[in-house]
Amino acid sequence: MPSKLPPDLGGMVASQESMNAYLHAELEKYRQDPLTWGHPCHAMQEEVQFCRTRRRIVVAGNRTGKTEGTMRDILWTARGKHPYKKVRLCSMIWVGAPDFPSYLRFHKPAFDEWCPPSWIIGKFHETEKYVDIRRVDGGKCRIFFLSYDMPRSKWQGAGVDGIWLDEECPEDILAECLARIVTTQGWIILTFTPVSGVGWWFDRIFSPAQDGLSKWQAFQFPLCTRDEENEAEFEVGESLVPHLTREQIVEFASEYPDPDERAIRIFGEVRGRQGLVYKQYRKAVHRIPAFDVPPDFDLWGGLDPGYHGFAALIGAIDPSNRMFVVKEFFSQGETTRERFKALAKAVKEVRNEKDWEKLVRPTVVFFVDTEDPQVILELNTQAAEAAEEADAAGEFVIQLVFSSLDQGLKARKAGFMRVQQALALKKDRPVPPIVDREPKAVGEPLLYFFDSLYSEWQEEDGYHKGSRVLWEIQHYSWKPPPKGSTVKPDDANEASAAGAHAMAALRYLVMARLGPPEEPKKPGDPTLDSVSKGVWDELKRLENELLEEEGY
């Protein structure tokens, strides 16, 4: 961008034509050579670019500029002339991404933005995904773009001068890449935000590198300083990147209700999710005095139909989209017919009879997982028979409907985040007018639980009385790491909450209203909010992992 004023501005006055000509010339220089005339690299990017170690691992928060900084590093190296160090001439460089959408969203735009057009020999080969860069000595360096979902055979072959693996790669891909740089004495760079928690790379590469016990050099970069002493919002201190203000980082941090995920994405910390899944729950805030549910509040339900743990939750939503869990039903070992009758009775008790009668043919839909479609069929059969019997007797009918919430892995992964978002407290959110308590200084959620919720059940540790859903929410934990290894932190330990049947019902209840995070309309969809983008990127990673485990 413009580096100095045009000569005729010495007297502080210049013609419009002179200014336009100057700006045009400066912008043309930037277009022709963005690496020279674009904005400078920031300090954290330069720290990596100065590094001469052949093996580097960069763990950083989201939006720290690791992709931009590494792409510039790669291009300088491919050219054979680096502003920060002397580099060896390269003939082949590989750039790895999780999948094709990641390549389209991040690597291709970064290449297009920073590669001077005059450096490209011929054109960018979109089909084969490679480009030839003209070196300063007149030779060429070919940059190939590959993805982790390619067959392993695509990562095999002759020697490679340098490899950049962006975002966490499978361990076997790294093994192939290390083999590619043995004969060439080449280099390798790993860059990622550790959204999957503590992975295989931590014990094998990152931790030894931090302790100076390996050939790797480790870098760890946050978006901002951590302000713990002054109790800053989300502990966000001063911005460490020039492209984001502190206020923007605070806004970004607010989108992640899970403090572990926020620490990963904002501060680039390496941590597996630990402890409770729903750390946001606070009894003094989320548990409220029960009230008569008004007729204009819509009712719906979530249900987990296990034989040893049948859990149903009834939710009410007000005109401002505040959700209230107003009734729960938990059953162990009863028949489907017995359970339906008890559930129908619980639904009827949510409102007084006069309020029910104000509604024309009221219907309450329960959303159920699809693991046992036979149970859904039996429940709907029971509901139809009960409605016919009530009609024949001239009684008032509340129609119950049981419907599949068929989202599979998406419902589970995205459901955790959606419940966390509903439980998250915001200081500027007022108390709903119908809630009979004082506002809390810590803020208000979108999801509340009646203090009248009640069930009785038997567990190995004895007989329990009270709210089953609130008992589970205070026991539901992430899976612990297996002995001697790491664990993917994306799943919860059902055993921690005695099967977590009410937690499943809660996910279905919340997902039926909030739905999954917005899905991209196309790769690189710019309208997607950052929370939705993060969830869908993670879902894609998990689905690829599942397909790989099944041999596809």
Protein backbone atom coordinates (compact mmCIF):
# COMPACT_ATOMS: atom_id res chain seq x y z
CA MET A 1 0.00 0.00 0.00
CA PRO A 2 1.11 3.68 -0.28
CA SER A 3 4.50 4.08 1.35
CA LYS A 4 5.18 7.78 0.88
CA LEU A 5 3.44 10.93 -0.32
CA PRO A 6 3.82 12.09 -3.93
CA PRO A 7 6.44 14.85 -4.45
CA ASP A 8 3.94 17.64 -5.06
CA LEU A 9 2.44 17.15 -1.59
CA GLY A 10 5.45 18.83 0.02
CA GLY A 11 3.47 22.05 0.23
CA MET A 12 0.41 20.14 1.57
CA VAL A 13 -1.48 20.80 -1.66
CA ALA A 14 -1.85 18.51 -4.64
CA SER A 15 -4.13 18.32 -7.61
CA GLN A 16 -6.77 15.60 -7.70
CA GLU A 17 -5.10 14.15 -10.80
CA SER A 18 -1.75 13.98 -9.03
CA MET A 19 -3.27 12.19 -6.06
CA ASN A 20 -5.20 9.77 -8.26
CA ALA A 21 -2.10 9.00 -10.31
CA TYR A 22 -0.08 8.39 -7.17
CA LEU A 23 -2.68 6.06 -5.63
CA HIS A 24 -3.07 4.20 -8.92
CA ALA A 25 0.70 3.66 -9.13
CA GLU A 26 0.90 2.43 -5.54
CA LEU A 27 -2.04 0.05 -5.96
CA GLU A 28 -0.55 -1.29 -9.17
CA LYS A 29 2.70 -2.03 -7.35
CA TYR A 30 0.72 -3.87 -4.69
CA ARG A 31 -1.18 -5.86 -7.34
CA GLN A 32 1.99 -6.84 -9.15
CA ASP A 33 3.99 -7.69 -6.00
CA PRO A 34 1.82 -8.03 -2.86
CA LEU A 35 4.65 -9.71 -0.95
CA THR A 36 6.77 -6.57 -1.23
CA TRP A 37 4.13 -3.85 -1.20
CA GLY A 38 1.41 -5.43 0.95
CA HIS A 39 1.08 -4.95 4.69
CA PRO A 40 4.02 -6.28 6.71
CA CYS A 41 3.92 -9.53 8.61
CA HIS A 42 3.15 -9.15 12.30
CA ALA A 43 5.56 -10.20 15.04
CA MET A 44 4.25 -13.74 15.57
CA GLN A 45 4.32 -14.50 11.84
CA GLU A 46 7.87 -13.16 11.59
CA GLU A 47 9.00 -15.30 14.53
CA VAL A 48 8.12 -18.43 12.55
CA GLN A 49 9.49 -17.06 9.27
CA PHE A 50 12.86 -16.26 10.87
CA CYS A 51 13.14 -19.83 12.16
CA ARG A 52 15.76 -21.99 10.44
CA THR A 53 14.78 -25.27 12.12
CA ARG A 54 13.75 -27.89 9.55
CA ARG A 55 10.76 -29.07 11.59
CA ARG A 56 8.31 -26.53 12.98
CA ILE A 57 4.94 -26.89 14.71
CA VAL A 58 2.74 -23.83 15.19
CA VAL A 59 -0.23 -24.10 17.57
CA ALA A 60 -2.29 -20.91 17.54
CA GLY A 61 -5.70 -19.44 18.21
CA ASN A 62 -8.16 -18.86 15.41
CA ARG A 63 -7.54 -15.82 13.20
CA THR A 64 -3.97 -15.26 14.36
CA GLY A 65 -2.85 -15.13 10.72
CA LYS A 66 -1.07 -18.48 10.67
CA THR A 67 -2.37 -19.36 7.19
CA GLU A 68 -1.48 -15.99 5.71
CA GLY A 69 1.95 -15.92 7.36
CA THR A 70 2.82 -19.47 6.31
CA MET A 71 1.63 -18.93 2.72
CA ARG A 72 3.93 -15.92 2.43
CA ASP A 73 6.76 -17.99 3.91
CA ILE A 74 6.09 -20.78 1.37
CA LEU A 75 6.04 -18.38 -1.59
CA TRP A 76 9.30 -16.69 -0.60
CA THR A 77 10.91 -20.11 -0.17
CA ALA A 78 9.57 -21.35 -3.53
CA ARG A 79 10.96 -18.23 -5.19
CA GLY A 80 14.36 -18.89 -3.65
CA LYS A 81 14.71 -15.47 -2.05
CA HIS A 82 13.48 -14.90 1.49
CA PRO A 83 13.53 -11.52 3.29
CA TYR A 84 14.25 -13.08 6.69
CA LYS A 85 16.79 -15.81 5.95
CA LYS A 86 18.87 -17.56 3.31
CA VAL A 87 16.93 -20.47 1.80
CA ARG A 88 17.96 -23.42 -0.32
CA LEU A 89 16.46 -23.63 -3.82
CA CYS A 90 13.44 -25.93 -3.93
CA SER A 91 11.94 -27.93 -6.80
CA MET A 92 8.85 -29.37 -5.05
CA ILE A 93 6.70 -28.15 -2.13
CA TRP A 94 3.50 -29.78 -0.84
CA VAL A 95 0.68 -27.96 0.95
CA GLY A 96 -1.78 -30.16 2.83
CA ALA A 97 -5.35 -29.32 3.94
CA PRO A 98 -8.06 -31.37 5.69
CA ASP A 99 -10.29 -31.50 2.59
CA PHE A 100 -11.23 -29.76 -0.66
CA PRO A 101 -13.54 -27.18 1.02
CA SER A 102 -10.68 -26.17 3.31
CA TYR A 103 -8.43 -25.69 0.29
CA LEU A 104 -11.09 -23.51 -1.34
CA ARG A 105 -11.76 -21.47 1.80
CA PHE A 106 -8.22 -20.87 2.97
CA HIS A 107 -5.28 -21.95 0.83
CA LYS A 108 -6.36 -20.96 -2.67
CA PRO A 109 -7.53 -17.46 -1.58
CA ALA A 110 -4.28 -16.95 0.39
CA PHE A 111 -2.23 -18.03 -2.63
CA ASP A 112 -4.19 -15.77 -4.98
CA GLU A 113 -3.83 -12.83 -2.62
CA TRP A 114 -0.09 -13.09 -1.99
CA CYS A 115 1.55 -14.66 -5.04
CA PRO A 116 2.88 -12.04 -7.50
CA PRO A 117 1.38 -12.88 -10.92
CA SER A 118 4.80 -12.51 -12.55
CA TRP A 119 6.14 -15.42 -10.50
CA ILE A 120 3.70 -17.94 -12.01
CA ILE A 121 4.89 -20.01 -14.97
CA GLY A 122 1.95 -20.71 -17.25
CA LYS A 123 -1.17 -20.89 -15.09
CA PHE A 124 -2.54 -22.46 -11.93
CA HIS A 125 -3.65 -26.01 -12.80
CA GLU A 126 -7.05 -26.23 -11.07
CA THR A 127 -7.66 -29.88 -11.98
CA GLU A 128 -4.36 -31.22 -10.65
CA LYS A 129 -4.07 -28.43 -8.06
CA TYR A 130 -0.50 -27.39 -8.65
CA VAL A 131 1.33 -24.28 -9.77
CA ASP A 132 4.88 -23.66 -10.99
CA ILE A 133 6.77 -20.74 -9.44
CA ARG A 134 9.67 -19.11 -11.32
CA ARG A 135 12.75 -19.12 -9.12
CA VAL A 136 15.27 -16.29 -8.96
CA ASP A 137 17.88 -18.51 -10.64
CA GLY A 138 15.59 -19.15 -13.63
CA GLY A 139 14.50 -22.63 -12.51
CA LYS A 140 11.06 -23.56 -11.20
CA CYS A 141 9.46 -24.82 -7.99
CA ARG A 142 6.17 -26.73 -8.20
CA ILE A 143 3.70 -26.28 -5.34
CA PHE A 144 1.17 -29.12 -5.02
CA PHE A 145 -2.03 -28.78 -2.95
CA LEU A 146 -3.20 -32.07 -1.39
CA SER A 147 -5.87 -33.04 1.15
CA TYR A 148 -5.93 -35.49 4.05
CA ASP A 149 -9.00 -37.28 2.68
CA MET A 150 -7.00 -38.42 -0.37
CA PRO A 151 -5.84 -42.06 -0.40
CA ARG A 152 -2.55 -42.55 1.41
CA SER A 153 -0.94 -43.54 -1.90
CA LYS A 154 -1.27 -39.91 -3.05
CA TRP A 155 1.11 -38.94 -0.26
CA GLN A 156 3.76 -41.39 -1.38
CA GLY A 157 6.40 -40.98 -4.08
CA ALA A 158 9.74 -39.30 -4.57
CA GLY A 159 11.45 -36.77 -2.35
CA VAL A 160 9.95 -33.37 -1.59
CA ASP A 161 11.90 -30.25 -0.59
CA GLY A 162 9.32 -28.88 1.82
CA ILE A 163 5.84 -29.65 3.21
CA TRP A 164 3.28 -27.50 4.96
CA LEU A 165 0.47 -29.35 6.75
CA ASP A 166 -2.29 -26.95 7.79
CA GLU A 167 -4.75 -28.02 10.53
CA GLU A 168 -4.38 -31.31 12.36
CA CYS A 169 -3.48 -34.17 10.02
CA PRO A 170 -3.78 -37.94 10.54
CA GLU A 171 -0.67 -39.46 12.07
CA ASP A 172 -0.09 -41.74 9.09
CA ILE A 173 -0.06 -38.73 6.73
CA LEU A 174 2.70 -37.15 8.82
CA ALA A 175 4.64 -40.43 8.67
CA GLU A 176 4.47 -40.37 4.86
CA CYS A 177 5.52 -36.72 4.75
CA LEU A 178 8.54 -37.30 7.00
CA ALA A 179 9.62 -40.08 4.65
CA ARG A 180 9.39 -37.67 1.69
CA ILE A 181 11.93 -35.24 3.16
CA VAL A 182 14.58 -37.74 4.31
CA THR A 183 16.65 -37.89 1.11
CA THR A 184 16.17 -34.20 0.29
CA GLN A 185 17.01 -33.03 3.83
CA GLY A 186 13.84 -30.99 3.44
CA TRP A 187 11.68 -29.10 5.91
CA ILE A 188 8.14 -29.50 7.29
CA ILE A 189 5.73 -27.07 8.99
CA LEU A 190 2.61 -28.04 10.95
CA THR A 191 0.10 -25.25 11.72
CA PHE A 192 -3.25 -25.63 13.44
CA THR A 193 -5.69 -24.53 16.11
CA PRO A 194 -6.09 -27.47 18.52
CA VAL A 195 -9.91 -27.59 18.36
CA SER A 196 -9.81 -31.39 18.73
CA GLY A 197 -8.09 -31.05 22.07
CA VAL A 198 -5.06 -33.08 23.05
CA GLY A 199 -4.25 -35.33 20.09
CA TRP A 200 -1.53 -37.76 19.06
CA TRP A 201 0.71 -34.84 18.08
CA PHE A 202 0.92 -33.53 21.64
CA ASP A 203 2.94 -36.36 23.22
CA ARG A 204 4.84 -37.18 20.04
CA ILE A 205 5.84 -33.68 18.85
CA PHE A 206 4.60 -30.63 20.72
CA SER A 207 5.41 -31.45 24.35
CA PRO A 208 8.95 -32.78 23.64
CA ALA A 209 9.60 -29.75 21.40
CA GLN A 210 8.56 -27.36 24.17
CA ASP A 211 11.04 -29.09 26.47
CA GLY A 212 13.81 -28.99 23.85
CA LEU A 213 13.85 -32.79 23.61
CA SER A 214 13.23 -33.22 19.88
CA LYS A 215 14.24 -31.94 16.45
CA TRP A 216 11.04 -29.92 16.26
CA GLN A 217 10.65 -26.28 17.24
CA ALA A 218 7.30 -25.41 18.83
CA PHE A 219 5.47 -22.07 18.63
CA GLN A 220 2.29 -21.19 20.50
CA PHE A 221 0.41 -18.00 19.62
CA PRO A 222 -2.73 -16.42 21.15
CA LEU A 223 -4.96 -13.73 19.66
CA CYS A 224 -4.49 -11.56 22.74
CA THR A 225 -2.95 -11.42 26.17
CA ARG A 226 -4.84 -13.12 29.00
CA ASP A 227 -6.15 -10.68 31.62
CA GLU A 228 -6.98 -12.72 34.72
CA GLU A 229 -6.23 -10.21 37.48
CA ASN A 230 -8.58 -7.44 36.30
CA GLU A 231 -11.44 -9.86 35.57
CA ALA A 232 -11.74 -8.66 31.97
CA GLU A 233 -14.61 -10.06 29.95
CA PHE A 234 -13.65 -13.60 28.85
CA GLU A 235 -10.15 -12.75 30.18
CA VAL A 236 -9.42 -10.95 26.89
CA GLY A 237 -6.51 -8.56 27.32
CA GLU A 238 -4.69 -6.56 24.65
CA SER A 239 -4.87 -7.66 21.03
CA LEU A 240 -1.66 -9.21 19.69
CA VAL A 241 -2.66 -9.04 16.02
CA PRO A 242 -2.99 -5.86 13.94
CA HIS A 243 -6.15 -6.94 12.11
CA LEU A 244 -8.41 -7.32 15.17
CA THR A 245 -9.26 -4.91 17.98
CA ARG A 246 -9.78 -6.02 21.54
CA GLU A 247 -13.52 -5.37 21.14
CA GLN A 248 -13.65 -7.66 18.10
CA ILE A 249 -11.83 -10.41 20.00
CA VAL A 250 -14.29 -10.07 22.91
CA GLU A 251 -17.16 -10.44 20.45
CA PHE A 252 -15.48 -13.50 18.94
CA ALA A 253 -14.91 -15.02 22.40
CA SER A 254 -18.58 -14.52 23.33
CA GLU A 255 -19.59 -16.95 20.59
CA TYR A 256 -18.01 -19.89 22.43
CA PRO A 257 -19.84 -20.68 25.69
CA ASP A 258 -17.56 -23.61 26.59
CA PRO A 259 -14.57 -22.11 28.46
CA ASP A 260 -12.27 -24.90 27.22
CA GLU A 261 -13.14 -24.26 23.58
CA ARG A 262 -12.78 -20.52 24.13
CA ALA A 263 -9.30 -21.04 25.60
CA ILE A 264 -8.35 -23.10 22.54
CA ARG A 265 -9.70 -20.67 19.95
CA ILE A 266 -8.69 -17.38 21.59
CA PHE A 267 -5.49 -18.25 23.44
CA GLY A 268 -4.31 -21.20 21.33
CA GLU A 269 -4.09 -23.34 24.46
CA VAL A 270 -3.66 -27.08 24.18
CA ARG A 271 -6.22 -28.76 26.36
CA GLY A 272 -8.63 -31.64 26.24
CA ARG A 273 -12.11 -30.86 27.40
CA GLN A 274 -12.35 -31.77 31.02
CA GLY A 275 -14.99 -32.09 33.67
CA LEU A 276 -18.63 -31.28 33.08
CA VAL A 277 -20.02 -30.92 29.57
CA TYR A 278 -22.37 -28.15 30.67
CA LYS A 279 -20.17 -26.03 32.94
CA GLN A 280 -22.49 -23.10 32.20
CA TYR A 281 -25.25 -24.45 34.47
CA ARG A 282 -25.75 -22.50 37.70
CA LYS A 283 -28.50 -23.59 40.02
CA ALA A 284 -29.19 -20.07 41.31
CA VAL A 285 -29.70 -18.77 37.76
CA HIS A 286 -31.15 -21.60 35.68
CA ARG A 287 -33.50 -23.13 38.27
CA ILE A 288 -36.52 -20.87 38.65
CA PRO A 289 -39.88 -20.94 40.45
CA ALA A 290 -42.52 -22.84 38.46
CA PHE A 291 -45.38 -20.83 36.95
CA ASP A 292 -48.62 -21.59 35.10
CA VAL A 293 -47.67 -21.89 31.44
CA PRO A 294 -49.71 -19.30 29.47
CA PRO A 295 -51.74 -20.44 26.42
CA ASP A 296 -49.52 -18.39 24.07
CA PHE A 297 -46.43 -20.38 25.08
CA ASP A 298 -45.80 -23.16 22.58
CA LEU A 299 -45.15 -26.65 24.00
CA TRP A 300 -42.93 -29.40 22.59
CA GLY A 301 -40.79 -32.22 23.93
CA GLY A 302 -37.56 -34.20 23.70
CA LEU A 303 -37.48 -37.91 24.39
CA ASP A 304 -34.89 -40.67 24.79
CA PRO A 305 -36.81 -43.99 24.70
CA GLY A 306 -34.38 -46.44 26.35
CA TYR A 307 -35.86 -49.44 28.12
CA HIS A 308 -33.71 -49.03 31.23
CA GLY A 309 -33.87 -45.26 31.03
CA PHE A 310 -36.85 -43.61 29.32
CA ALA A 311 -36.48 -39.84 29.66
CA ALA A 312 -38.90 -37.19 28.41
CA LEU A 313 -38.72 -33.43 28.85
CA ILE A 314 -41.52 -30.98 28.10
CA GLY A 315 -40.46 -27.51 27.03
CA ALA A 316 -42.35 -24.24 26.76
CA ILE A 317 -41.14 -21.30 24.71
CA ASP A 318 -42.29 -17.72 25.18
CA PRO A 319 -42.78 -15.09 22.45
CA SER A 320 -39.20 -13.86 23.09
CA ASN A 321 -37.75 -17.33 22.42
CA ARG A 322 -36.89 -18.07 26.06
CA MET A 323 -37.11 -21.81 26.68
CA PHE A 324 -38.39 -23.39 29.89
CA VAL A 325 -38.16 -27.07 30.84
CA VAL A 326 -41.49 -27.27 32.64
CA LYS A 327 -41.97 -31.02 33.16
CA GLU A 328 -39.89 -34.18 33.17
CA PHE A 329 -40.76 -37.86 33.12
CA PHE A 330 -38.28 -40.66 33.82
CA SER A 331 -39.06 -44.38 33.75
CA GLN A 332 -37.10 -47.59 34.26
CA GLY A 333 -38.40 -50.95 32.99
CA GLU A 334 -42.05 -50.09 32.31
CA THR A 335 -43.99 -51.02 29.17
CA THR A 336 -44.50 -48.58 26.30
CA ARG A 337 -48.21 -48.37 27.13
CA GLU A 338 -47.52 -47.51 30.78
CA ARG A 339 -45.00 -44.90 29.76
CA PHE A 340 -47.34 -43.28 27.24
CA LYS A 341 -50.15 -42.98 29.79
CA ALA A 342 -47.82 -41.39 32.35
CA LEU A 343 -46.37 -39.02 29.74
CA ALA A 344 -49.84 -37.97 28.54
CA LYS A 345 -50.78 -37.23 32.14
CA ALA A 346 -47.59 -35.13 32.59
CA VAL A 347 -48.40 -33.10 29.45
CA LYS A 348 -51.94 -32.43 30.66
CA GLU A 349 -50.62 -31.16 34.02
CA VAL A 350 -48.46 -28.49 32.36
CA ARG A 351 -51.48 -26.17 31.94
CA ASN A 352 -54.70 -25.82 33.86
CA GLU A 353 -57.78 -27.23 32.20
CA LYS A 354 -59.27 -23.86 31.25
CA ASP A 355 -56.12 -22.82 29.41
CA TRP A 356 -56.06 -26.12 27.51
CA GLU A 357 -59.67 -25.63 26.47
CA LYS A 358 -58.81 -22.25 24.93
CA LEU A 359 -56.76 -24.11 22.32
CA VAL A 360 -58.26 -25.80 19.27
CA ARG A 361 -57.14 -29.43 19.05
CA PRO A 362 -53.85 -28.87 20.93
CA THR A 363 -50.90 -30.96 19.77
CA VAL A 364 -47.56 -31.56 21.48
CA VAL A 365 -44.74 -33.03 19.38
CA PHE A 366 -41.95 -35.01 21.03
CA PHE A 367 -38.70 -35.25 19.09
CA VAL A 368 -36.97 -38.60 19.39
CA ASP A 369 -33.68 -40.07 18.22
CA THR A 370 -33.96 -42.63 15.42
CA GLU A 371 -32.02 -45.50 17.00
CA ASP A 372 -35.23 -47.43 17.76
CA PRO A 373 -37.96 -46.62 15.20
CA GLN A 374 -40.13 -49.42 16.63
CA VAL A 375 -40.56 -47.50 19.89
CA ILE A 376 -41.57 -44.36 17.95
CA LEU A 377 -44.17 -46.42 16.05
CA GLU A 378 -45.53 -47.92 19.28
CA LEU A 379 -45.78 -44.50 20.94
CA ASN A 380 -47.63 -43.01 17.97
CA THR A 381 -49.96 -46.03 17.94
CA GLN A 382 -50.71 -45.53 21.64
CA ALA A 383 -51.30 -41.80 21.01
CA ALA A 384 -53.75 -42.48 18.16
CA GLU A 385 -55.70 -45.04 20.21
CA ALA A 386 -55.89 -42.70 23.22
CA ALA A 387 -57.18 -39.87 21.02
CA GLU A 388 -59.88 -42.11 19.50
CA GLU A 389 -60.99 -43.29 22.93
CA ALA A 390 -61.19 -39.73 24.25
CA ASP A 391 -63.12 -38.58 21.17
CA ALA A 392 -65.58 -41.46 21.53
CA ALA A 393 -66.16 -40.57 25.18
CA GLY A 394 -66.59 -36.87 24.36
CA GLU A 395 -63.52 -35.94 26.36
CA PHE A 396 -61.05 -33.15 25.67
CA VAL A 397 -58.11 -34.44 23.60
CA ILE A 398 -54.46 -33.39 23.75
CA GLN A 399 -52.85 -35.05 20.75
CA LEU A 400 -49.29 -36.34 21.27
CA VAL A 401 -47.04 -36.92 18.26
CA PHE A 402 -43.62 -38.60 18.28
CA SER A 403 -41.26 -37.58 15.48
CA SER A 404 -37.70 -38.55 14.55
CA LEU A 405 -34.94 -35.99 14.91
CA ASP A 406 -32.73 -37.64 12.32
CA GLN A 407 -29.41 -35.81 12.34
CA GLY A 408 -27.10 -38.57 13.53
CA LEU A 409 -23.60 -37.38 14.37
CA LYS A 410 -24.59 -33.80 13.59
CA ALA A 411 -27.28 -33.85 16.29
CA ARG A 412 -24.83 -35.09 18.90
CA LYS A 413 -21.89 -32.80 18.16
CA ALA A 414 -23.92 -29.71 17.32
CA GLY A 415 -26.37 -30.53 20.13
CA PHE A 416 -23.67 -30.14 22.77
CA MET A 417 -22.88 -26.66 21.50
CA ARG A 418 -26.53 -25.64 21.11
CA VAL A 419 -27.32 -26.61 24.72
CA GLN A 420 -24.20 -24.76 25.88
CA GLN A 421 -25.33 -21.69 23.96
CA ALA A 422 -28.81 -21.89 25.51
CA LEU A 423 -27.29 -22.17 29.01
CA ALA A 424 -24.70 -19.41 28.47
CA LEU A 425 -25.27 -16.24 30.51
CA LYS A 426 -25.32 -12.74 29.03
CA LYS A 427 -25.21 -9.69 31.26
CA ASP A 428 -27.31 -7.52 28.94
CA ARG A 429 -30.13 -10.10 28.72
CA PRO A 430 -33.11 -9.19 30.97
CA VAL A 431 -35.02 -11.60 33.20
CA PRO A 432 -38.20 -12.80 31.43
CA PRO A 433 -41.19 -10.94 32.93
CA ILE A 434 -42.85 -14.21 33.94
CA VAL A 435 -39.86 -15.34 36.03
CA ASP A 436 -40.39 -14.50 39.69
CA ARG A 437 -36.90 -13.68 40.90
CA GLU A 438 -34.38 -10.84 40.85
CA PRO A 439 -31.94 -10.43 37.95
CA LYS A 440 -28.55 -12.05 38.44
CA ALA A 441 -25.36 -10.01 38.10
CA VAL A 442 -23.75 -12.78 36.06
CA GLY A 443 -26.47 -12.50 33.42
CA GLU A 444 -29.41 -14.51 32.11
CA PRO A 445 -29.62 -17.59 29.84
CA LEU A 446 -32.05 -18.63 27.11
CA LEU A 447 -32.90 -21.90 28.90
CA TYR A 448 -34.50 -22.29 32.34
CA PHE A 449 -35.65 -25.25 34.46
CA PHE A 450 -38.70 -25.28 36.75
CA ASP A 451 -37.92 -25.97 40.42
CA SER A 452 -40.89 -28.38 40.40
CA LEU A 453 -39.18 -30.97 38.16
CA TYR A 454 -39.32 -34.34 39.91
CA SER A 455 -38.58 -38.01 39.27
CA GLU A 456 -37.64 -41.10 41.27
CA TRP A 457 -35.15 -43.69 40.07
CA GLN A 458 -32.80 -46.45 41.16
CA GLU A 459 -29.06 -46.50 40.51
CA GLU A 460 -26.21 -48.65 41.79
CA ASP A 461 -25.51 -46.10 44.50
CA GLY A 462 -29.11 -46.19 45.77
CA TYR A 463 -32.55 -44.69 45.33
CA HIS A 464 -32.82 -41.11 44.04
CA LYS A 465 -35.54 -38.47 44.31
CA GLY A 466 -35.53 -35.05 42.65
CA SER A 467 -35.03 -33.68 39.16
CA ARG A 468 -33.46 -36.29 36.91
CA VAL A 469 -32.44 -33.77 34.23
CA LEU A 470 -30.73 -31.48 36.76
CA TRP A 471 -29.06 -34.45 38.44
CA GLU A 472 -27.65 -35.55 35.07
CA ILE A 473 -26.57 -32.05 34.04
CA GLN A 474 -24.45 -31.83 37.18
CA HIS A 475 -22.82 -35.23 36.51
CA TYR A 476 -22.48 -35.28 32.71
CA SER A 477 -18.74 -35.23 31.89
CA TRP A 478 -16.42 -35.48 28.92
CA LYS A 479 -14.76 -38.83 28.30
CA PRO A 480 -11.56 -39.25 30.31
CA PRO A 481 -8.31 -40.05 28.47
CA PRO A 482 -7.51 -43.77 28.26
CA LYS A 483 -4.50 -44.86 30.24
CA GLY A 484 -1.28 -44.10 28.42
CA SER A 485 -2.89 -42.30 25.49
CA THR A 486 -4.81 -39.21 24.47
CA VAL A 487 -8.50 -38.94 23.61
CA LYS A 488 -10.61 -37.02 21.18
CA PRO A 489 -12.55 -34.55 23.37
CA ASP A 490 -15.61 -34.38 21.12
CA ASP A 491 -17.75 -36.90 22.96
CA ALA A 492 -19.26 -37.18 26.40
CA ASN A 493 -19.15 -40.10 28.83
CA GLU A 494 -22.73 -41.42 29.06
CA ALA A 495 -21.81 -43.53 32.09
CA SER A 496 -20.93 -40.37 34.02
CA ALA A 497 -24.66 -39.54 34.18
CA ALA A 498 -26.02 -43.11 34.48
CA GLY A 499 -26.76 -43.42 30.78
CA ALA A 500 -27.39 -39.69 30.23
CA HIS A 501 -30.95 -40.36 29.02
CA ALA A 502 -32.23 -36.95 30.14
CA MET A 503 -29.18 -35.31 28.51
CA ALA A 504 -30.17 -36.90 25.19
CA ALA A 505 -33.74 -35.68 25.64
CA LEU A 506 -32.41 -32.19 26.42
CA ARG A 507 -30.36 -32.13 23.22
CA TYR A 508 -33.39 -33.12 21.14
CA LEU A 509 -35.52 -30.54 22.95
CA VAL A 510 -33.07 -27.70 22.27
CA MET A 511 -32.16 -28.81 18.74
CA ALA A 512 -35.84 -28.99 17.75
CA ARG A 513 -36.07 -25.25 18.46
CA LEU A 514 -32.62 -23.86 17.73
CA GLY A 515 -31.75 -26.45 15.09
CA PRO A 516 -28.19 -27.28 14.11
CA PRO A 517 -25.82 -24.40 13.41
CA GLU A 518 -26.45 -22.85 10.03
CA GLU A 519 -25.11 -25.05 7.24
CA PRO A 520 -22.88 -23.59 4.53
CA LYS A 521 -24.76 -22.98 1.29
CA LYS A 522 -21.50 -23.59 -0.60
CA PRO A 523 -17.79 -23.99 0.24
CA GLY A 524 -16.41 -20.77 1.68
CA ASP A 525 -19.88 -19.29 2.29
CA PRO A 526 -19.04 -15.75 3.56
CA THR A 527 -22.45 -15.30 5.24
CA LEU A 528 -21.83 -18.07 7.77
CA ASP A 529 -21.36 -16.93 11.38
CA SER A 530 -18.14 -18.07 13.04
CA VAL A 531 -19.86 -20.44 15.49
CA SER A 532 -21.72 -22.24 12.69
CA LYS A 533 -18.57 -22.37 10.59
CA GLY A 534 -16.60 -23.85 13.47
CA VAL A 535 -19.24 -26.51 14.11
CA TRP A 536 -19.57 -27.51 10.46
CA ASP A 537 -15.80 -27.65 9.95
CA GLU A 538 -15.58 -29.95 12.96
CA LEU A 539 -18.50 -32.10 11.74
CA LYS A 540 -16.79 -32.52 8.39
CA ARG A 541 -13.61 -33.60 10.15
CA LEU A 542 -15.47 -36.11 12.30
CA GLU A 543 -17.40 -37.52 9.35
CA ASN A 544 -14.19 -37.98 7.35
CA GLU A 545 -12.66 -39.69 10.37
CA LEU A 546 -15.66 -42.01 10.67
CA LEU A 547 -15.53 -42.91 6.98
CA GLU A 548 -11.82 -43.61 7.29
CA GLU A 549 -12.41 -45.92 10.28
CA GLU A 550 -15.04 -47.81 8.27
CA GLY A 551 -12.64 -48.24 5.36
CA TYR A 552 -14.13 -45.77 2.87
